[in-house]
């Protein structure tokens, strides 16, 4: 999925965005309204997905887009594959990730508290 496609779907409220960065990175910066399922450390990604997906992604048929830092980052691939194995039917990947999003001046959010 391209940045422009993702932004259009986000603007239209047609997609659930999943940040697969470790929680500390998610709290510092993530795409607007994204939920967090950490995909790193890789050995814990399946457990994190199994534990968090039922709460943050209750609709297994919803359009979901996973992303991580950039193209080489594997977090989104691991979490996305796990979601499919858990029965999620519409999972796509924004492979360029948050670095691309930020580089093009698009808005992000932080977790305040």
PDB file of N, CA and C in Angstrom:
ATOM      1  N   UNK A   1       0.840  -1.169   0.000  1.00  0.00           N
ATOM      2  CA  UNK A   1       0.000   0.000   0.000  1.00  0.00           C
ATOM      3  C   UNK A   1       0.888   1.236   0.000  1.00  0.00           C
ATOM      4  N   UNK A   2       0.526   2.208  -0.809  1.00  0.00           N
ATOM      5  CA  UNK A   2       1.329   3.422  -0.875  1.00  0.00           C
ATOM      6  C   UNK A   2       0.928   4.405   0.219  1.00  0.00           C
ATOM      7  N   UNK A   3       1.801   5.377   0.463  1.00  0.00           N
ATOM      8  CA  UNK A   3       1.522   6.430   1.429  1.00  0.00           C
ATOM      9  C   UNK A   3       0.237   7.167   1.069  1.00  0.00           C
ATOM     10  N   UNK A   4       0.078   7.533  -0.207  1.00  0.00           N
ATOM     11  CA  UNK A   4      -1.110   8.274  -0.626  1.00  0.00           C
ATOM     12  C   UNK A   4      -2.379   7.451  -0.454  1.00  0.00           C
ATOM     13  N   UNK A   5      -2.306   6.168  -0.772  1.00  0.00           N
ATOM     14  CA  UNK A   5      -3.475   5.292  -0.579  1.00  0.00           C
ATOM     15  C   UNK A   5      -3.829   5.202   0.899  1.00  0.00           C
ATOM     16  N   UNK A   6      -2.822   5.026   1.731  1.00  0.00           N
ATOM     17  CA  UNK A   6      -3.066   4.926   3.168  1.00  0.00           C
ATOM     18  C   UNK A   6      -3.663   6.219   3.708  1.00  0.00           C
ATOM     19  N   UNK A   7      -3.093   7.347   3.332  1.00  0.00           N
ATOM     20  CA  UNK A   7      -3.623   8.627   3.820  1.00  0.00           C
ATOM     21  C   UNK A   7      -5.078   8.809   3.401  1.00  0.00           C
ATOM     22  N   UNK A   8      -5.401   8.477   2.171  1.00  0.00           N
ATOM     23  CA  UNK A   8      -6.780   8.613   1.689  1.00  0.00           C
ATOM     24  C   UNK A   8      -7.731   7.729   2.487  1.00  0.00           C
ATOM     25  N   UNK A   9      -7.321   6.490   2.759  1.00  0.00           N
ATOM     26  CA  UNK A   9      -8.170   5.585   3.535  1.00  0.00           C
ATOM     27  C   UNK A   9      -8.287   6.043   4.984  1.00  0.00           C
ATOM     28  N   UNK A  10      -7.205   6.571   5.541  1.00  0.00           N
ATOM     29  CA  UNK A  10      -7.260   7.098   6.904  1.00  0.00           C
ATOM     30  C   UNK A  10      -8.195   8.311   6.959  1.00  0.00           C
ATOM     31  N   UNK A  11      -8.054   9.217   6.006  1.00  0.00           N
ATOM     32  CA  UNK A  11      -8.895  10.413   5.977  1.00  0.00           C
ATOM     33  C   UNK A  11     -10.374  10.055   5.849  1.00  0.00           C
ATOM     34  N   UNK A  12     -10.664   8.967   5.148  1.00  0.00           N
ATOM     35  CA  UNK A  12     -12.047   8.533   4.947  1.00  0.00           C
ATOM     36  C   UNK A  12     -12.551   7.646   6.088  1.00  0.00           C
ATOM     37  N   UNK A  13     -11.674   7.333   7.049  1.00  0.00           N
ATOM     38  CA  UNK A  13     -12.070   6.475   8.165  1.00  0.00           C
ATOM     39  C   UNK A  13     -12.340   5.040   7.748  1.00  0.00           C
ATOM     40  N   UNK A  14     -11.618   4.579   6.734  1.00  0.00           N
ATOM     41  CA  UNK A  14     -11.881   3.250   6.167  1.00  0.00           C
ATOM     42  C   UNK A  14     -10.855   2.198   6.550  1.00  0.00           C
ATOM     43  N   UNK A  15      -9.973   2.496   7.495  1.00  0.00           N
ATOM     44  CA  UNK A  15      -8.902   1.558   7.795  1.00  0.00           C
ATOM     45  C   UNK A  15      -8.491   1.673   9.262  1.00  0.00           C
ATOM     46  N   UNK A  16      -8.067   0.537   9.827  1.00  0.00           N
ATOM     47  CA  UNK A  16      -7.462   0.525  11.155  1.00  0.00           C
ATOM     48  C   UNK A  16      -5.955   0.391  10.938  1.00  0.00           C
ATOM     49  N   UNK A  17      -5.201   1.329  11.490  1.00  0.00           N
ATOM     50  CA  UNK A  17      -3.753   1.350  11.299  1.00  0.00           C
ATOM     51  C   UNK A  17      -3.091   0.760  12.540  1.00  0.00           C
ATOM     52  N   UNK A  18      -2.144  -0.156  12.299  1.00  0.00           N
ATOM     53  CA  UNK A  18      -1.439  -0.833  13.395  1.00  0.00           C
ATOM     54  C   UNK A  18       0.051  -0.518  13.316  1.00  0.00           C
ATOM     55  N   UNK A  19       0.543   0.179  14.329  1.00  0.00           N
ATOM     56  CA  UNK A  19       1.962   0.466  14.489  1.00  0.00           C
ATOM     57  C   UNK A  19       2.588  -0.754  15.142  1.00  0.00           C
ATOM     58  N   UNK A  20       3.629  -1.319  14.511  1.00  0.00           N
ATOM     59  CA  UNK A  20       4.245  -2.532  15.046  1.00  0.00           C
ATOM     60  C   UNK A  20       5.605  -2.272  15.693  1.00  0.00           C
ATOM     61  N   UNK A  21       5.861  -1.003  15.996  1.00  0.00           N
ATOM     62  CA  UNK A  21       7.106  -0.640  16.663  1.00  0.00           C
ATOM     63  C   UNK A  21       7.000  -0.988  18.157  1.00  0.00           C
ATOM     64  N   UNK A  22       8.137  -1.138  18.851  1.00  0.00           N
ATOM     65  CA  UNK A  22       8.082  -1.341  20.295  1.00  0.00           C
ATOM     66  C   UNK A  22       7.297  -0.202  20.955  1.00  0.00           C
ATOM     67  N   UNK A  23       6.673  -0.494  22.072  1.00  0.00           N
ATOM     68  CA  UNK A  23       5.785   0.454  22.732  1.00  0.00           C
ATOM     69  C   UNK A  23       6.423   1.823  22.962  1.00  0.00           C
ATOM     70  N   UNK A  24       7.680   1.857  23.384  1.00  0.00           N
ATOM     71  CA  UNK A  24       8.343   3.141  23.643  1.00  0.00           C
ATOM     72  C   UNK A  24       8.405   4.003  22.387  1.00  0.00           C
ATOM     73  N   UNK A  25       8.646   3.382  21.235  1.00  0.00           N
ATOM     74  CA  UNK A  25       8.672   4.131  19.976  1.00  0.00           C
ATOM     75  C   UNK A  25       7.268   4.597  19.600  1.00  0.00           C
ATOM     76  N   UNK A  26       6.297   3.718  19.781  1.00  0.00           N
ATOM     77  CA  UNK A  26       4.897   4.074  19.509  1.00  0.00           C
ATOM     78  C   UNK A  26       4.485   5.289  20.338  1.00  0.00           C
ATOM     79  N   UNK A  27       4.850   5.286  21.611  1.00  0.00           N
ATOM     80  CA  UNK A  27       4.476   6.392  22.493  1.00  0.00           C
ATOM     81  C   UNK A  27       5.116   7.704  22.050  1.00  0.00           C
ATOM     82  N   UNK A  28       6.323   7.636  21.480  1.00  0.00           N
ATOM     83  CA  UNK A  28       7.019   8.849  21.028  1.00  0.00           C
ATOM     84  C   UNK A  28       6.412   9.414  19.749  1.00  0.00           C
ATOM     85  N   UNK A  29       6.001   8.513  18.828  1.00  0.00           N
ATOM     86  CA  UNK A  29       5.464   8.987  17.555  1.00  0.00           C
ATOM     87  C   UNK A  29       4.833   7.828  16.790  1.00  0.00           C
ATOM     88  N   UNK A  30       3.604   8.064  16.315  1.00  0.00           N
ATOM     89  CA  UNK A  30       2.924   7.076  15.493  1.00  0.00           C
ATOM     90  C   UNK A  30       1.955   7.774  14.541  1.00  0.00           C
ATOM     91  N   UNK A  31       1.484   7.056  13.546  1.00  0.00           N
ATOM     92  CA  UNK A  31       0.504   7.611  12.625  1.00  0.00           C
ATOM     93  C   UNK A  31      -0.775   7.925  13.389  1.00  0.00           C
ATOM     94  N   UNK A  32      -1.524   8.933  12.949  1.00  0.00           N
ATOM     95  CA  UNK A  32      -2.733   9.336  13.667  1.00  0.00           C
ATOM     96  C   UNK A  32      -3.699   8.171  13.900  1.00  0.00           C
ATOM     97  N   UNK A  33      -4.120   8.051  15.155  1.00  0.00           N
ATOM     98  CA  UNK A  33      -5.104   7.058  15.595  1.00  0.00           C
ATOM     99  C   UNK A  33      -4.650   5.604  15.455  1.00  0.00           C
ATOM    100  N   UNK A  34      -3.376   5.378  15.220  1.00  0.00           N
ATOM    101  CA  UNK A  34      -2.875   4.005  15.122  1.00  0.00           C
ATOM    102  C   UNK A  34      -2.935   3.318  16.482  1.00  0.00           C
ATOM    103  N   UNK A  35      -3.170   2.015  16.446  1.00  0.00           N
ATOM    104  CA  UNK A  35      -3.074   1.184  17.641  1.00  0.00           C
ATOM    105  C   UNK A  35      -1.708   0.507  17.610  1.00  0.00           C
ATOM    106  N   UNK A  36      -1.281  -0.048  18.736  1.00  0.00           N
ATOM    107  CA  UNK A  36       0.063  -0.613  18.825  1.00  0.00           C
ATOM    108  C   UNK A  36       0.029  -2.100  19.131  1.00  0.00           C
ATOM    109  N   UNK A  37       0.685  -2.871  18.266  1.00  0.00           N
ATOM    110  CA  UNK A  37       0.999  -4.277  18.542  1.00  0.00           C
ATOM    111  C   UNK A  37       2.485  -4.424  18.237  1.00  0.00           C
ATOM    112  N   UNK A  38       3.339  -4.449  19.273  1.00  0.00           N
ATOM    113  CA  UNK A  38       4.777  -4.519  19.032  1.00  0.00           C
ATOM    114  C   UNK A  38       5.192  -5.784  18.292  1.00  0.00           C
ATOM    115  N   UNK A  39       6.047  -5.600  17.302  1.00  0.00           N
ATOM    116  CA  UNK A  39       6.577  -6.731  16.547  1.00  0.00           C
ATOM    117  C   UNK A  39       8.029  -6.993  16.855  1.00  0.00           C
ATOM    118  N   UNK A  40       8.523  -6.374  17.904  1.00  0.00           N
ATOM    119  CA  UNK A  40       9.918  -6.540  18.291  1.00  0.00           C
ATOM    120  C   UNK A  40       9.998  -6.550  19.801  1.00  0.00           C
ATOM    121  N   UNK A  41      10.795  -7.368  20.431  1.00  0.00           N
ATOM    122  CA  UNK A  41      11.693  -8.325  19.807  1.00  0.00           C
ATOM    123  C   UNK A  41      10.924  -9.402  19.031  1.00  0.00           C
ATOM    124  N   UNK A  42      11.538  -9.841  17.937  1.00  0.00           N
ATOM    125  CA  UNK A  42      10.866 -10.775  17.035  1.00  0.00           C
ATOM    126  C   UNK A  42      10.350 -12.022  17.749  1.00  0.00           C
ATOM    127  N   UNK A  43      11.110 -12.508  18.714  1.00  0.00           N
ATOM    128  CA  UNK A  43      10.705 -13.720  19.431  1.00  0.00           C
ATOM    129  C   UNK A  43       9.420 -13.534  20.224  1.00  0.00           C
ATOM    130  N   UNK A  44       9.066 -12.287  20.528  1.00  0.00           N
ATOM    131  CA  UNK A  44       7.857 -12.004  21.303  1.00  0.00           C
ATOM    132  C   UNK A  44       6.693 -11.514  20.448  1.00  0.00           C
ATOM    133  N   UNK A  45       6.916 -11.292  19.157  1.00  0.00           N
ATOM    134  CA  UNK A  45       5.896 -10.688  18.295  1.00  0.00           C
ATOM    135  C   UNK A  45       4.610 -11.512  18.238  1.00  0.00           C
ATOM    136  N   UNK A  46       4.718 -12.824  18.119  1.00  0.00           N
ATOM    137  CA  UNK A  46       3.509 -13.657  18.052  1.00  0.00           C
ATOM    138  C   UNK A  46       2.714 -13.560  19.351  1.00  0.00           C
ATOM    139  N   UNK A  47       3.404 -13.597  20.480  1.00  0.00           N
ATOM    140  CA  UNK A  47       2.722 -13.499  21.774  1.00  0.00           C
ATOM    141  C   UNK A  47       2.042 -12.138  21.924  1.00  0.00           C
ATOM    142  N   UNK A  48       2.761 -11.062  21.574  1.00  0.00           N
ATOM    143  CA  UNK A  48       2.165  -9.726  21.654  1.00  0.00           C
ATOM    144  C   UNK A  48       0.914  -9.645  20.777  1.00  0.00           C
ATOM    145  N   UNK A  49       1.005 -10.190  19.572  1.00  0.00           N
ATOM    146  CA  UNK A  49      -0.128 -10.148  18.644  1.00  0.00           C
ATOM    147  C   UNK A  49      -1.293 -10.943  19.202  1.00  0.00           C
ATOM    148  N   UNK A  50      -1.021 -12.150  19.687  1.00  0.00           N
ATOM    149  CA  UNK A  50      -2.078 -12.997  20.252  1.00  0.00           C
ATOM    150  C   UNK A  50      -2.770 -12.314  21.426  1.00  0.00           C
ATOM    151  N   UNK A  51      -1.981 -11.626  22.256  1.00  0.00           N
ATOM    152  CA  UNK A  51      -2.540 -10.987  23.456  1.00  0.00           C
ATOM    153  C   UNK A  51      -3.304  -9.704  23.139  1.00  0.00           C
ATOM    154  N   UNK A  52      -2.787  -8.889  22.227  1.00  0.00           N
ATOM    155  CA  UNK A  52      -3.347  -7.565  22.001  1.00  0.00           C
ATOM    156  C   UNK A  52      -4.412  -7.499  20.908  1.00  0.00           C
ATOM    157  N   UNK A  53      -4.300  -8.331  19.894  1.00  0.00           N
ATOM    158  CA  UNK A  53      -5.217  -8.230  18.750  1.00  0.00           C
ATOM    159  C   UNK A  53      -6.694  -8.310  19.133  1.00  0.00           C
ATOM    160  N   UNK A  54      -7.108  -9.232  20.003  1.00  0.00           N
ATOM    161  CA  UNK A  54      -8.545  -9.290  20.311  1.00  0.00           C
ATOM    162  C   UNK A  54      -9.100  -7.992  20.900  1.00  0.00           C
ATOM    163  N   UNK A  55      -8.257  -7.235  21.595  1.00  0.00           N
ATOM    164  CA  UNK A  55      -8.695  -5.986  22.212  1.00  0.00           C
ATOM    165  C   UNK A  55      -8.615  -4.818  21.238  1.00  0.00           C
ATOM    166  N   UNK A  56      -7.471  -4.651  20.568  1.00  0.00           N
ATOM    167  CA  UNK A  56      -7.291  -3.478  19.708  1.00  0.00           C
ATOM    168  C   UNK A  56      -7.851  -3.678  18.302  1.00  0.00           C
ATOM    169  N   UNK A  57      -8.108  -4.935  17.921  1.00  0.00           N
ATOM    170  CA  UNK A  57      -8.660  -5.242  16.597  1.00  0.00           C
ATOM    171  C   UNK A  57      -9.801  -6.253  16.739  1.00  0.00           C
ATOM    172  N   UNK A  58     -10.906  -5.844  17.358  1.00  0.00           N
ATOM    173  CA  UNK A  58     -11.981  -6.808  17.605  1.00  0.00           C
ATOM    174  C   UNK A  58     -12.674  -7.324  16.341  1.00  0.00           C
ATOM    175  N   UNK A  59     -12.672  -6.563  15.263  1.00  0.00           N
ATOM    176  CA  UNK A  59     -13.340  -6.968  14.017  1.00  0.00           C
ATOM    177  C   UNK A  59     -12.324  -7.614  13.083  1.00  0.00           C
ATOM    178  N   UNK A  60     -12.416  -8.920  12.928  1.00  0.00           N
ATOM    179  CA  UNK A  60     -11.449  -9.648  12.096  1.00  0.00           C
ATOM    180  C   UNK A  60     -11.649  -9.411  10.601  1.00  0.00           C
ATOM    181  N   UNK A  61     -12.734  -8.731  10.223  1.00  0.00           N
ATOM    182  CA  UNK A  61     -12.968  -8.435   8.810  1.00  0.00           C
ATOM    183  C   UNK A  61     -12.643  -6.984   8.456  1.00  0.00           C
ATOM    184  N   UNK A  62     -12.283  -6.183   9.440  1.00  0.00           N
ATOM    185  CA  UNK A  62     -11.971  -4.770   9.194  1.00  0.00           C
ATOM    186  C   UNK A  62     -10.721  -4.639   8.324  1.00  0.00           C
ATOM    187  N   UNK A  63     -10.672  -3.604   7.484  1.00  0.00           N
ATOM    188  CA  UNK A  63      -9.439  -3.334   6.738  1.00  0.00           C
ATOM    189  C   UNK A  63      -8.346  -2.855   7.697  1.00  0.00           C
ATOM    190  N   UNK A  64      -7.227  -3.551   7.687  1.00  0.00           N
ATOM    191  CA  UNK A  64      -6.118  -3.278   8.599  1.00  0.00           C
ATOM    192  C   UNK A  64      -4.865  -3.018   7.781  1.00  0.00           C
ATOM    193  N   UNK A  65      -4.105  -2.003   8.190  1.00  0.00           N
ATOM    194  CA  UNK A  65      -2.801  -1.745   7.577  1.00  0.00           C
ATOM    195  C   UNK A  65      -1.762  -1.729   8.682  1.00  0.00           C
ATOM    196  N   UNK A  66      -0.744  -2.562   8.541  1.00  0.00           N
ATOM    197  CA  UNK A  66       0.358  -2.608   9.496  1.00  0.00           C
ATOM    198  C   UNK A  66       1.550  -1.841   8.928  1.00  0.00           C
ATOM    199  N   UNK A  67       2.337  -1.247   9.823  1.00  0.00           N
ATOM    200  CA  UNK A  67       3.560  -0.562   9.388  1.00  0.00           C
ATOM    201  C   UNK A  67       4.577  -0.615  10.516  1.00  0.00           C
ATOM    202  N   UNK A  68       5.842  -0.376  10.145  1.00  0.00           N
ATOM    203  CA  UNK A  68       6.900  -0.223  11.142  1.00  0.00           C
ATOM    204  C   UNK A  68       7.765   0.960  10.734  1.00  0.00           C
ATOM    205  N   UNK A  69       9.067   0.875  10.896  1.00  0.00           N
ATOM    206  CA  UNK A  69       9.924   2.041  10.686  1.00  0.00           C
ATOM    207  C   UNK A  69      10.163   2.351   9.208  1.00  0.00           C
ATOM    208  N   UNK A  70      10.530   1.306   8.443  1.00  0.00           N
ATOM    209  CA  UNK A  70      10.961   1.507   7.060  1.00  0.00           C
ATOM    210  C   UNK A  70      10.940   0.168   6.336  1.00  0.00           C
ATOM    211  N   UNK A  71      11.387   0.143   5.090  1.00  0.00           N
ATOM    212  CA  UNK A  71      11.337  -1.082   4.291  1.00  0.00           C
ATOM    213  C   UNK A  71      12.096  -2.246   4.936  1.00  0.00           C
ATOM    214  N   UNK A  72      13.339  -2.061   5.437  1.00  0.00           N
ATOM    215  CA  UNK A  72      14.056  -3.200   6.018  1.00  0.00           C
ATOM    216  C   UNK A  72      13.435  -3.749   7.319  1.00  0.00           C
ATOM    217  N   UNK A  73      12.642  -2.950   7.993  1.00  0.00           N
ATOM    218  CA  UNK A  73      12.052  -3.358   9.270  1.00  0.00           C
ATOM    219  C   UNK A  73      11.094  -4.536   9.055  1.00  0.00           C
ATOM    220  N   UNK A  74      11.226  -5.573   9.863  1.00  0.00           N
ATOM    221  CA  UNK A  74      10.422  -6.781   9.708  1.00  0.00           C
ATOM    222  C   UNK A  74       9.209  -6.839  10.627  1.00  0.00           C
ATOM    223  N   UNK A  75       9.072  -5.895  11.553  1.00  0.00           N
ATOM    224  CA  UNK A  75       7.991  -5.954  12.539  1.00  0.00           C
ATOM    225  C   UNK A  75       6.622  -6.110  11.883  1.00  0.00           C
ATOM    226  N   UNK A  76       6.339  -5.264  10.893  1.00  0.00           N
ATOM    227  CA  UNK A  76       5.000  -5.285  10.300  1.00  0.00           C
ATOM    228  C   UNK A  76       4.749  -6.583   9.539  1.00  0.00           C
ATOM    229  N   UNK A  77       5.775  -7.130   8.929  1.00  0.00           N
ATOM    230  CA  UNK A  77       5.632  -8.408   8.229  1.00  0.00           C
ATOM    231  C   UNK A  77       5.259  -9.520   9.223  1.00  0.00           C
ATOM    232  N   UNK A  78       5.938  -9.542  10.357  1.00  0.00           N
ATOM    233  CA  UNK A  78       5.697 -10.584  11.359  1.00  0.00           C
ATOM    234  C   UNK A  78       4.310 -10.436  11.974  1.00  0.00           C
ATOM    235  N   UNK A  79       3.951  -9.228  12.392  1.00  0.00           N
ATOM    236  CA  UNK A  79       2.636  -9.005  13.002  1.00  0.00           C
ATOM    237  C   UNK A  79       1.534  -9.241  11.972  1.00  0.00           C
ATOM    238  N   UNK A  80       1.716  -8.738  10.759  1.00  0.00           N
ATOM    239  CA  UNK A  80       0.708  -8.918   9.716  1.00  0.00           C
ATOM    240  C   UNK A  80       0.455 -10.388   9.420  1.00  0.00           C
ATOM    241  N   UNK A  81       1.517 -11.166   9.309  1.00  0.00           N
ATOM    242  CA  UNK A  81       1.369 -12.603   9.063  1.00  0.00           C
ATOM    243  C   UNK A  81       0.656 -13.289  10.215  1.00  0.00           C
ATOM    244  N   UNK A  82       0.985 -12.881  11.424  1.00  0.00           N
ATOM    245  CA  UNK A  82       0.331 -13.479  12.591  1.00  0.00           C
ATOM    246  C   UNK A  82      -1.157 -13.136  12.610  1.00  0.00           C
ATOM    247  N   UNK A  83      -1.506 -11.899  12.262  1.00  0.00           N
ATOM    248  CA  UNK A  83      -2.918 -11.522  12.214  1.00  0.00           C
ATOM    249  C   UNK A  83      -3.673 -12.393  11.212  1.00  0.00           C
ATOM    250  N   UNK A  84      -3.077 -12.620  10.057  1.00  0.00           N
ATOM    251  CA  UNK A  84      -3.718 -13.487   9.054  1.00  0.00           C
ATOM    252  C   UNK A  84      -3.905 -14.887   9.620  1.00  0.00           C
ATOM    253  N   UNK A  85      -2.893 -15.394  10.321  1.00  0.00           N
ATOM    254  CA  UNK A  85      -3.007 -16.743  10.893  1.00  0.00           C
ATOM    255  C   UNK A  85      -4.069 -16.805  11.988  1.00  0.00           C
ATOM    256  N   UNK A  86      -4.385 -15.649  12.588  1.00  0.00           N
ATOM    257  CA  UNK A  86      -5.427 -15.588  13.621  1.00  0.00           C
ATOM    258  C   UNK A  86      -6.818 -15.379  13.024  1.00  0.00           C
ATOM    259  N   UNK A  87      -6.903 -15.292  11.698  1.00  0.00           N
ATOM    260  CA  UNK A  87      -8.206 -15.184  11.049  1.00  0.00           C
ATOM    261  C   UNK A  87      -8.600 -13.801  10.579  1.00  0.00           C
ATOM    262  N   UNK A  88      -7.676 -12.839  10.633  1.00  0.00           N
ATOM    263  CA  UNK A  88      -7.967 -11.514  10.093  1.00  0.00           C
ATOM    264  C   UNK A  88      -7.914 -11.612   8.567  1.00  0.00           C
ATOM    265  N   UNK A  89      -8.920 -11.065   7.909  1.00  0.00           N
ATOM    266  CA  UNK A  89      -9.100 -11.336   6.483  1.00  0.00           C
ATOM    267  C   UNK A  89      -8.681 -10.210   5.546  1.00  0.00           C
ATOM    268  N   UNK A  90      -8.341  -9.030   6.071  1.00  0.00           N
ATOM    269  CA  UNK A  90      -8.034  -7.902   5.196  1.00  0.00           C
ATOM    270  C   UNK A  90      -6.839  -7.126   5.764  1.00  0.00           C
ATOM    271  N   UNK A  91      -5.665  -7.752   5.715  1.00  0.00           N
ATOM    272  CA  UNK A  91      -4.451  -7.162   6.292  1.00  0.00           C
ATOM    273  C   UNK A  91      -3.503  -6.776   5.162  1.00  0.00           C
ATOM    274  N   UNK A  92      -3.116  -5.508   5.157  1.00  0.00           N
ATOM    275  CA  UNK A  92      -2.163  -5.006   4.174  1.00  0.00           C
ATOM    276  C   UNK A  92      -0.995  -4.347   4.905  1.00  0.00           C
ATOM    277  N   UNK A  93       0.047  -4.025   4.139  1.00  0.00           N
ATOM    278  CA  UNK A  93       1.259  -3.472   4.738  1.00  0.00           C
ATOM    279  C   UNK A  93       1.646  -2.171   4.038  1.00  0.00           C
ATOM    280  N   UNK A  94       1.978  -1.172   4.835  1.00  0.00           N
ATOM    281  CA  UNK A  94       2.588   0.073   4.349  1.00  0.00           C
ATOM    282  C   UNK A  94       4.078  -0.117   4.571  1.00  0.00           C
ATOM    283  N   UNK A  95       4.762  -0.637   3.567  1.00  0.00           N
ATOM    284  CA  UNK A  95       6.126  -1.097   3.744  1.00  0.00           C
ATOM    285  C   UNK A  95       7.142   0.015   3.967  1.00  0.00           C
ATOM    286  N   UNK A  96       6.888   1.235   3.465  1.00  0.00           N
ATOM    287  CA  UNK A  96       7.850   2.320   3.648  1.00  0.00           C
ATOM    288  C   UNK A  96       7.873   2.843   5.086  1.00  0.00           C
ATOM    289  N   UNK A  97       6.788   2.668   5.813  1.00  0.00           N
ATOM    290  CA  UNK A  97       6.751   2.937   7.238  1.00  0.00           C
ATOM    291  C   UNK A  97       6.766   4.401   7.640  1.00  0.00           C
ATOM    292  N   UNK A  98       6.879   4.583   8.956  1.00  0.00           N
ATOM    293  CA  UNK A  98       6.752   5.920   9.534  1.00  0.00           C
ATOM    294  C   UNK A  98       7.856   6.870   9.064  1.00  0.00           C
ATOM    295  N   UNK A  99       9.029   6.350   8.737  1.00  0.00           N
ATOM    296  CA  UNK A  99      10.091   7.241   8.255  1.00  0.00           C
ATOM    297  C   UNK A  99       9.655   7.935   6.965  1.00  0.00           C
ATOM    298  N   UNK A 100       9.007   7.214   6.068  1.00  0.00           N
ATOM    299  CA  UNK A 100       8.499   7.779   4.821  1.00  0.00           C
ATOM    300  C   UNK A 100       7.385   8.782   5.100  1.00  0.00           C
ATOM    301  N   UNK A 101       6.494   8.424   5.999  1.00  0.00           N
ATOM    302  CA  UNK A 101       5.361   9.282   6.369  1.00  0.00           C
ATOM    303  C   UNK A 101       5.869  10.643   6.871  1.00  0.00           C
ATOM    304  N   UNK A 102       6.812  10.588   7.811  1.00  0.00           N
ATOM    305  CA  UNK A 102       7.368  11.801   8.410  1.00  0.00           C
ATOM    306  C   UNK A 102       8.167  12.606   7.375  1.00  0.00           C
ATOM    307  N   UNK A 103       8.926  11.915   6.529  1.00  0.00           N
ATOM    308  CA  UNK A 103       9.733  12.583   5.514  1.00  0.00           C
ATOM    309  C   UNK A 103       8.877  13.403   4.547  1.00  0.00           C
ATOM    310  N   UNK A 104       7.624  13.033   4.412  1.00  0.00           N
ATOM    311  CA  UNK A 104       6.711  13.751   3.517  1.00  0.00           C
ATOM    312  C   UNK A 104       5.818  14.742   4.276  1.00  0.00           C
ATOM    313  N   UNK A 105       6.178  15.031   5.520  1.00  0.00           N
ATOM    314  CA  UNK A 105       5.519  16.082   6.276  1.00  0.00           C
ATOM    315  C   UNK A 105       4.118  15.765   6.746  1.00  0.00           C
ATOM    316  N   UNK A 106       3.783  14.493   6.825  1.00  0.00           N
ATOM    317  CA  UNK A 106       2.442  14.117   7.258  1.00  0.00           C
ATOM    318  C   UNK A 106       2.373  14.073   8.779  1.00  0.00           C
ATOM    319  N   UNK A 107       1.186  14.268   9.338  1.00  0.00           N
ATOM    320  CA  UNK A 107       1.051  14.389  10.797  1.00  0.00           C
ATOM    321  C   UNK A 107       1.260  13.063  11.532  1.00  0.00           C
ATOM    322  N   UNK A 108       1.732  13.195  12.756  1.00  0.00           N
ATOM    323  CA  UNK A 108       1.870  12.044  13.649  1.00  0.00           C
ATOM    324  C   UNK A 108       1.270  12.420  15.000  1.00  0.00           C
ATOM    325  N   UNK A 109       1.182  11.433  15.864  1.00  0.00           N
ATOM    326  CA  UNK A 109       0.703  11.647  17.223  1.00  0.00           C
ATOM    327  C   UNK A 109       1.709  11.068  18.208  1.00  0.00           C
ATOM    328  N   UNK A 110       1.576  11.513  19.458  1.00  0.00           N
ATOM    329  CA  UNK A 110       2.346  10.929  20.549  1.00  0.00           C
ATOM    330  C   UNK A 110       1.358  10.491  21.617  1.00  0.00           C
ATOM    331  N   UNK A 111       1.818   9.654  22.534  1.00  0.00           N
ATOM    332  CA  UNK A 111       1.006   9.270  23.679  1.00  0.00           C
ATOM    333  C   UNK A 111       1.356  10.216  24.793  1.00  0.00           C
ATOM    334  N   UNK A 112       0.367  10.935  25.277  1.00  0.00           N
ATOM    335  CA  UNK A 112       0.604  11.862  26.375  1.00  0.00           C
ATOM    336  C   UNK A 112       0.051  11.263  27.657  1.00  0.00           C
ATOM    337  N   UNK A 113       0.627  11.590  28.723  1.00  0.00           N
ATOM    338  CA  UNK A 113       0.138  11.034  29.959  1.00  0.00           C
ATOM    339  C   UNK A 113       0.993  11.453  31.036  1.00  0.00           C
TER     340      UNK A 113
END
